[in-house]
N, C-alpha and C. Protein backbone atom coordinates (compact mmCIF):
# COMPACT_ATOMS: atom_id res chain seq x y z
N UNK A 1 17.26 16.36 -16.02
CA UNK A 1 18.01 15.19 -16.08
C UNK A 1 17.10 14.23 -16.87
N UNK A 2 17.73 13.57 -17.74
CA UNK A 2 16.91 12.34 -18.32
C UNK A 2 16.40 11.43 -17.35
N UNK A 3 15.43 10.98 -17.60
CA UNK A 3 14.74 9.81 -16.85
C UNK A 3 14.37 10.18 -15.30
N UNK A 4 14.48 11.43 -15.13
CA UNK A 4 14.11 11.84 -13.68
C UNK A 4 12.76 11.95 -13.55
N UNK A 5 12.07 11.76 -12.45
CA UNK A 5 10.67 11.66 -12.55
C UNK A 5 10.31 13.00 -11.74
N UNK A 6 9.16 13.76 -12.11
CA UNK A 6 8.79 14.96 -11.43
C UNK A 6 8.56 14.65 -10.04
N UNK A 7 8.70 15.62 -9.29
CA UNK A 7 8.67 15.53 -7.69
C UNK A 7 7.22 15.07 -7.79
N UNK A 8 6.18 15.28 -8.19
CA UNK A 8 4.77 14.94 -7.80
C UNK A 8 4.87 13.43 -8.18
N UNK A 9 5.22 12.78 -9.08
CA UNK A 9 5.28 11.52 -9.86
C UNK A 9 6.13 10.76 -8.50
N UNK A 10 6.91 11.23 -8.15
CA UNK A 10 7.77 10.44 -7.18
C UNK A 10 7.02 10.31 -5.98
N UNK A 11 6.26 11.42 -5.37
CA UNK A 11 5.54 11.29 -4.19
C UNK A 11 4.30 10.32 -4.30
N UNK A 12 3.69 10.22 -5.99
CA UNK A 12 2.64 9.43 -6.04
C UNK A 12 3.10 7.68 -5.91
N UNK A 13 4.37 7.70 -6.48
CA UNK A 13 5.09 6.45 -6.53
C UNK A 13 5.25 5.96 -4.93
N UNK A 14 5.42 6.77 -4.26
CA UNK A 14 6.02 6.55 -2.73
C UNK A 14 4.32 6.21 -1.81
N UNK A 15 3.39 6.74 -2.33
CA UNK A 15 2.24 7.17 -1.86
C UNK A 15 1.91 5.42 -2.10
N UNK A 16 1.86 5.15 -3.37
CA UNK A 16 1.42 3.78 -3.90
C UNK A 16 2.02 2.69 -3.40
N UNK A 17 3.53 2.92 -3.14
CA UNK A 17 4.27 1.85 -2.45
C UNK A 17 3.95 1.55 -1.22
N UNK A 18 3.84 2.70 -0.34
CA UNK A 18 3.08 2.81 0.99
C UNK A 18 1.64 2.04 1.15
N UNK A 19 1.01 2.15 0.32
CA UNK A 19 -0.49 1.52 0.17
C UNK A 19 -0.36 0.07 0.08
N UNK A 20 0.39 0.02 -0.92
CA UNK A 20 0.76 -1.42 -1.41
C UNK A 20 1.39 -2.13 0.09
N UNK A 21 2.26 -1.63 0.34
CA UNK A 21 2.88 -2.19 1.87
C UNK A 21 2.15 -2.52 2.74
N UNK A 22 1.16 -1.46 3.13
CA UNK A 22 0.16 -1.58 4.28
C UNK A 22 -0.54 -2.76 3.74
N UNK A 23 -1.23 -3.15 2.55
CA UNK A 23 -2.23 -4.02 2.18
C UNK A 23 -1.32 -5.28 2.30
N UNK A 24 -0.35 -5.43 2.00
CA UNK A 24 0.51 -6.64 2.17
C UNK A 24 0.50 -7.01 3.70
N UNK A 25 1.22 -6.26 4.23
CA UNK A 25 1.02 -6.48 5.62
C UNK A 25 -0.08 -6.77 6.31
N UNK A 26 -1.00 -6.28 5.95
CA UNK A 26 -2.43 -6.51 6.43
C UNK A 26 -2.89 -8.00 6.19
N UNK A 27 -2.48 -8.26 4.84
CA UNK A 27 -3.12 -9.71 4.62
C UNK A 27 -2.44 -10.77 5.25
N UNK A 28 -1.20 -10.47 5.76
CA UNK A 28 -0.52 -11.63 6.40
C UNK A 28 -0.77 -11.82 7.92
N UNK A 29 -1.66 -10.83 8.36
CA UNK A 29 -1.66 -10.95 9.78
C UNK A 29 -2.36 -12.26 10.29
N UNK A 30 -1.70 -13.04 10.97
CA UNK A 30 -2.13 -14.28 11.47
C UNK A 30 -1.98 -15.59 10.45
N UNK A 31 -1.93 -15.25 9.36
CA UNK A 31 -1.93 -16.22 8.12
C UNK A 31 -0.38 -16.10 7.29
N UNK A 32 -0.34 -17.21 6.65
CA UNK A 32 0.94 -17.15 5.57
C UNK A 32 0.13 -17.10 4.14
N UNK A 33 0.51 -16.74 3.30
CA UNK A 33 -0.13 -16.46 1.97
C UNK A 33 0.88 -16.42 1.13
N UNK A 34 0.53 -17.08 -0.17
CA UNK A 34 1.86 -17.10 -1.27
C UNK A 34 1.31 -15.65 -2.01
N UNK A 35 1.98 -15.38 -3.10
CA UNK A 35 1.89 -13.79 -3.67
C UNK A 35 0.55 -13.83 -4.15
N UNK A 36 0.30 -14.88 -5.04
CA UNK A 36 -1.14 -14.85 -5.32
C UNK A 36 -2.33 -15.04 -4.87
N UNK A 37 -2.07 -15.56 -3.40
CA UNK A 37 -3.24 -15.26 -2.60
C UNK A 37 -3.24 -14.00 -1.82
N UNK A 38 -2.12 -13.44 -1.61
CA UNK A 38 -2.02 -11.82 -1.07
C UNK A 38 -2.74 -10.98 -2.29
N UNK A 39 -2.65 -11.18 -3.55
CA UNK A 39 -3.11 -10.44 -4.32
C UNK A 39 -4.69 -10.70 -4.33
N UNK A 40 -5.10 -11.95 -4.45
CA UNK A 40 -6.49 -12.14 -4.28
C UNK A 40 -6.94 -11.71 -3.03
N UNK A 41 -6.40 -11.80 -1.82
CA UNK A 41 -6.86 -10.90 -0.62
C UNK A 41 -7.15 -9.74 -0.98
N UNK A 42 -6.08 -9.00 -1.44
CA UNK A 42 -6.37 -7.50 -1.82
C UNK A 42 -7.41 -7.05 -2.48
N UNK A 43 -7.61 -7.79 -3.66
CA UNK A 43 -8.88 -7.73 -4.44
C UNK A 43 -10.02 -7.75 -3.45
N UNK A 44 -10.37 -9.11 -3.02
CA UNK A 44 -11.70 -9.03 -2.30
C UNK A 44 -11.75 -8.13 -1.02
N UNK A 45 -10.48 -7.70 -0.40
CA UNK A 45 -10.63 -6.80 0.75
C UNK A 45 -11.18 -5.62 0.09
N UNK A 46 -11.01 -5.08 -0.90
CA UNK A 46 -11.20 -3.66 -1.50
C UNK A 46 -12.35 -3.85 -2.62
N UNK A 47 -12.82 -4.97 -2.52
CA UNK A 47 -14.39 -5.00 -3.28
C UNK A 47 -13.67 -4.93 -4.67
N UNK A 48 -12.62 -5.37 -5.01
CA UNK A 48 -12.25 -5.55 -6.32
C UNK A 48 -12.07 -4.07 -7.03
N UNK A 49 -11.80 -3.28 -6.15
CA UNK A 49 -11.34 -1.59 -6.63
C UNK A 49 -9.81 -1.90 -6.85
N UNK A 50 -9.17 -2.84 -6.60
CA UNK A 50 -7.48 -2.74 -6.57
C UNK A 50 -7.07 -4.28 -7.25
N UNK A 51 -6.33 -4.16 -7.95
CA UNK A 51 -6.02 -5.42 -8.81
C UNK A 51 -4.48 -5.22 -8.74
N UNK A 52 -3.76 -6.09 -8.19
CA UNK A 52 -2.41 -5.95 -8.17
C UNK A 52 -1.74 -7.18 -8.85
N UNK A 53 -0.75 -6.77 -9.98
CA UNK A 53 -0.33 -7.46 -10.80
C UNK A 53 1.19 -8.26 -10.37
N UNK A 54 1.44 -9.13 -10.80
CA UNK A 54 2.65 -9.95 -10.47
C UNK A 54 4.05 -9.04 -10.50
N UNK A 55 4.04 -8.22 -11.54
CA UNK A 55 5.01 -7.38 -11.61
C UNK A 55 5.17 -6.29 -10.81
N UNK A 56 3.97 -6.01 -9.93
CA UNK A 56 4.11 -5.22 -8.63
C UNK A 56 4.20 -5.84 -7.35
N UNK A 57 3.50 -6.94 -7.30
CA UNK A 57 3.64 -7.60 -5.96
C UNK A 57 4.90 -8.51 -5.75
N UNK A 58 5.50 -8.93 -6.56
CA UNK A 58 6.76 -9.70 -6.27
C UNK A 58 7.70 -8.92 -5.57
N UNK A 59 8.11 -7.87 -6.73
CA UNK A 59 9.10 -6.83 -6.16
C UNK A 59 8.76 -6.38 -4.79
N UNK A 60 7.37 -6.12 -4.38
CA UNK A 60 7.36 -5.50 -3.02
C UNK A 60 7.62 -6.47 -2.06
N UNK A 61 7.20 -7.82 -2.49
CA UNK A 61 7.52 -8.88 -1.29
C UNK A 61 9.11 -8.93 -1.09
N UNK A 62 9.55 -8.87 -2.02
CA UNK A 62 11.35 -9.28 -2.21
C UNK A 62 11.96 -7.98 -1.11
N UNK A 63 11.50 -6.75 -1.72
CA UNK A 63 11.95 -5.54 -0.80
C UNK A 63 11.46 -5.62 0.74
N UNK A 64 10.33 -6.14 0.97
CA UNK A 64 9.86 -5.99 2.33
C UNK A 64 10.63 -7.11 2.98
N UNK A 65 10.75 -8.31 2.36
CA UNK A 65 11.47 -9.56 3.17
C UNK A 65 12.97 -8.85 3.40
N UNK A 66 13.66 -8.29 2.35
CA UNK A 66 14.96 -7.59 2.58
C UNK A 66 15.00 -6.71 3.93
N UNK A 67 14.00 -5.90 4.14
CA UNK A 67 13.87 -5.00 5.61
C UNK A 67 13.26 -5.94 6.44
N UNK A 68 13.28 -6.93 6.52
CA UNK A 68 12.58 -8.02 7.62
C UNK A 68 11.32 -7.68 8.01
N UNK A 69 10.49 -7.30 7.23
CA UNK A 69 9.26 -7.33 7.65
C UNK A 69 8.43 -8.65 7.69
N UNK A 70 8.74 -9.01 6.71
CA UNK A 70 8.14 -10.65 6.30
C UNK A 70 9.44 -11.69 6.15
N UNK A 71 8.71 -12.71 6.33
CA UNK A 71 9.61 -14.04 6.19
C UNK A 71 9.00 -14.96 4.95
N UNK A 72 9.85 -15.88 4.30
CA UNK A 72 9.15 -16.84 3.50
C UNK A 72 9.71 -17.89 3.68
N UNK A 73 8.89 -19.15 3.11
CA UNK A 73 9.40 -20.47 3.21
C UNK A 73 8.50 -21.45 1.89
N UNK A 74 9.23 -22.01 1.45
CA UNK A 74 8.51 -22.71 0.34
C UNK A 74 7.59 -23.98 1.01
N UNK A 75 6.39 -23.98 0.43
CA UNK A 75 5.51 -25.33 0.68
C UNK A 75 4.52 -25.54 -0.66
N UNK A 76 3.87 -26.52 -0.11
CA UNK A 76 2.75 -26.78 -1.40
C UNK A 76 1.58 -25.86 -1.30
N UNK A 77 1.15 -25.24 -2.62
CA UNK A 77 -0.02 -24.51 -2.61
C UNK A 77 -1.34 -25.41 -2.78
N UNK A 78 -2.44 -24.61 -2.83
CA UNK A 78 -3.65 -25.39 -2.83
C UNK A 78 -3.84 -26.63 -3.65
N UNK A 79 -3.03 -26.32 -4.65
CA UNK A 79 -3.25 -27.06 -6.17
C UNK A 79 -1.74 -28.05 -6.13
N UNK A 80 -1.39 -28.34 -5.11
CA UNK A 80 -0.15 -29.07 -5.01
C UNK A 80 1.09 -28.57 -5.69
N UNK A 81 1.15 -27.51 -5.80
CA UNK A 81 2.31 -26.83 -6.72
C UNK A 81 3.26 -26.17 -5.82
N UNK A 82 4.53 -26.11 -5.73
CA UNK A 82 5.43 -25.53 -4.99
C UNK A 82 5.30 -23.91 -5.31
N UNK A 83 4.85 -23.39 -4.03
CA UNK A 83 4.97 -21.95 -3.70
C UNK A 83 5.46 -21.50 -2.40
N UNK A 84 6.05 -20.07 -2.58
CA UNK A 84 6.56 -19.29 -1.62
C UNK A 84 5.69 -18.66 -0.79
N UNK A 85 5.55 -18.97 0.43
CA UNK A 85 4.51 -18.53 1.56
C UNK A 85 5.34 -17.46 2.31
N UNK A 86 4.58 -16.43 2.54
CA UNK A 86 4.95 -15.36 3.23
C UNK A 86 4.08 -14.92 4.52
N UNK A 87 5.09 -14.64 5.70
CA UNK A 87 4.48 -14.40 6.96
C UNK A 87 4.92 -13.15 7.33
N UNK A 88 4.24 -12.49 8.38
CA UNK A 88 4.85 -11.34 9.11
C UNK A 88 6.00 -11.81 9.92
N UNK A 89 6.94 -10.81 10.11
CA UNK A 89 7.85 -11.07 11.24
C UNK A 89 7.26 -10.03 12.49
N UNK A 90 8.09 -10.15 13.55
CA UNK A 90 7.57 -9.31 14.55
C UNK A 90 7.77 -7.78 14.21
N UNK A 91 9.04 -7.40 13.44
CA UNK A 91 9.26 -6.07 12.98
C UNK A 91 8.23 -5.84 12.24
N UNK A 92 7.63 -6.76 11.20
CA UNK A 92 6.51 -6.54 10.47
C UNK A 92 5.05 -6.17 10.79
N UNK A 93 4.96 -6.80 11.90
CA UNK A 93 3.87 -6.59 12.84
C UNK A 93 3.87 -5.00 13.38
N UNK A 94 4.96 -4.67 13.84
CA UNK A 94 5.11 -3.45 14.29
C UNK A 94 4.87 -2.37 13.35
N UNK A 95 5.54 -2.69 11.91
CA UNK A 95 5.48 -1.74 10.72
C UNK A 95 4.09 -1.68 10.27
N UNK A 96 3.56 -2.83 10.41
CA UNK A 96 1.76 -2.91 10.00
C UNK A 96 1.27 -1.95 10.86
N UNK A 97 1.44 -1.74 12.18
CA UNK A 97 0.71 -1.01 13.01
C UNK A 97 1.13 0.43 12.94
N UNK A 98 2.10 0.71 12.69
CA UNK A 98 2.72 2.19 12.22
C UNK A 98 2.15 2.50 11.04
N UNK A 99 2.16 1.78 9.99
CA UNK A 99 1.64 2.20 8.64
C UNK A 99 -0.10 2.50 8.61
N UNK A 100 -0.58 1.50 9.58
CA UNK A 100 -2.06 1.62 9.83
C UNK A 100 -2.27 2.87 10.34
N UNK A 101 -1.64 3.46 11.30
CA UNK A 101 -1.87 4.92 12.30
C UNK A 101 -1.40 5.82 11.23
N UNK A 102 -0.53 5.68 10.20
CA UNK A 102 -0.09 6.94 9.47
C UNK A 102 -1.13 6.61 8.33
N UNK A 103 -1.60 5.61 7.98
CA UNK A 103 -2.93 5.76 6.62
C UNK A 103 -3.91 6.39 7.52
N UNK A 104 -4.21 5.99 8.53
CA UNK A 104 -5.51 6.65 9.00
C UNK A 104 -5.33 8.29 9.41
N UNK A 105 -4.07 8.88 9.63
CA UNK A 105 -4.11 10.03 9.85
C UNK A 105 -4.15 10.81 8.64
N UNK A 106 -3.52 10.11 7.40
CA UNK A 106 -3.47 10.75 6.18
C UNK A 106 -5.05 10.76 5.46
N UNK A 107 -5.71 9.52 5.64
CA UNK A 107 -7.05 9.61 5.22
C UNK A 107 -8.15 10.58 6.03
N UNK A 108 -7.75 10.95 7.25
CA UNK A 108 -8.50 11.99 7.92
C UNK A 108 -8.25 13.32 7.47
N UNK A 109 -6.96 13.46 7.29
CA UNK A 109 -6.52 14.85 6.59
C UNK A 109 -7.09 15.06 5.43
N UNK A 110 -7.20 13.82 4.45
CA UNK A 110 -7.79 14.01 3.28
C UNK A 110 -9.15 14.43 3.35
N UNK A 111 -10.08 13.69 4.08
CA UNK A 111 -11.43 14.03 4.54
C UNK A 111 -11.58 15.31 4.96
N UNK A 112 -10.66 15.90 5.73
CA UNK A 112 -10.83 17.41 6.21
C UNK A 112 -10.61 18.26 5.12
N UNK A 113 -9.84 17.94 4.10
CA UNK A 113 -9.43 18.83 3.05
C UNK A 113 -10.66 18.87 2.13
N UNK A 114 -11.27 17.61 1.74
CA UNK A 114 -12.41 17.65 0.72
C UNK A 114 -13.38 17.99 1.34
N UNK A 115 -13.67 18.29 2.35
CA UNK A 115 -14.81 18.91 3.26
C UNK A 115 -15.02 20.34 2.95
N UNK A 116 -13.77 20.87 2.86
CA UNK A 116 -13.53 22.56 2.89
C UNK A 116 -14.21 22.74 1.35
N UNK A 117 -15.01 23.90 1.65
CA UNK A 117 -15.78 24.67 0.58
C UNK A 117 -14.53 25.54 -0.13
N UNK A 118 -14.33 25.58 -1.46
CA UNK A 118 -13.24 26.42 -2.08
C UNK A 118 -14.17 27.48 -2.92
N UNK A 119 -13.52 28.72 -2.92
CA UNK A 119 -13.83 29.76 -3.63
C UNK A 119 -12.75 30.34 -4.50
N UNK A 120 -13.03 30.66 -5.45
CA UNK A 120 -12.05 31.29 -6.37
C UNK A 120 -11.92 32.82 -6.20
N UNK A 121 -10.81 33.33 -5.69
CA UNK A 121 -10.77 34.83 -5.44
C UNK A 121 -11.19 35.55 -6.90
N UNK A 122 -12.07 36.77 -6.97
CA UNK A 122 -12.07 37.29 -8.15
C UNK A 122 -11.13 37.69 -9.11
N UNK A 123 -10.03 38.29 -8.41
CA UNK A 123 -9.10 39.19 -9.11
C UNK A 123 -7.91 38.03 -9.49
N UNK A 124 -7.36 37.64 -8.65
CA UNK A 124 -6.02 36.57 -8.70
C UNK A 124 -5.94 35.56 -9.14
N UNK A 125 -7.32 34.93 -9.40
CA UNK A 125 -7.59 33.45 -9.35
C UNK A 125 -7.32 32.30 -8.57
N UNK A 126 -6.66 32.99 -7.53
CA UNK A 126 -6.27 32.09 -6.48
C UNK A 126 -7.48 31.49 -5.67
N UNK A 127 -7.17 30.28 -5.42
CA UNK A 127 -8.58 29.68 -4.62
C UNK A 127 -8.25 29.77 -3.16
N UNK A 128 -9.19 30.06 -2.40
CA UNK A 128 -9.20 30.11 -0.86
C UNK A 128 -10.12 29.48 -0.26
N UNK A 129 -9.97 29.04 0.86
CA UNK A 129 -10.83 28.25 1.69
C UNK A 129 -12.25 29.25 2.02
N UNK A 130 -13.16 28.89 1.87
CA UNK A 130 -14.36 29.66 2.32
C UNK A 130 -14.50 29.51 3.76
N UNK A 131 -14.92 30.68 4.16
CA UNK A 131 -15.45 30.83 5.68
C UNK A 131 -16.91 30.54 6.06
């Protein structure tokens, strides 16, 4: 089917979207931020390992607002320009806790998987965990 994504790519997109959602929700705990401020927080919080572009963050913010996880209002930014500020809703706070729990389970599973020594079976070429 033209334009269809392979299953692995779709899973990767979902993982990245879920990761971005969690980072956005975490950035809004107890504070209101505009989109650029959220992107700056993510960069600082990840030691500049993750950089979020405008073309990525604003669609995510709109999607999250439609789902009721965040709310927005217009106000002046630090440089006195008009900016849209985002804040967590109660539903967003619950979602953030759920996503954080899910992320921690995922990270623990990855740590376990990466710690397993892998050997190649001599005839089939299949990989099996070492005992």
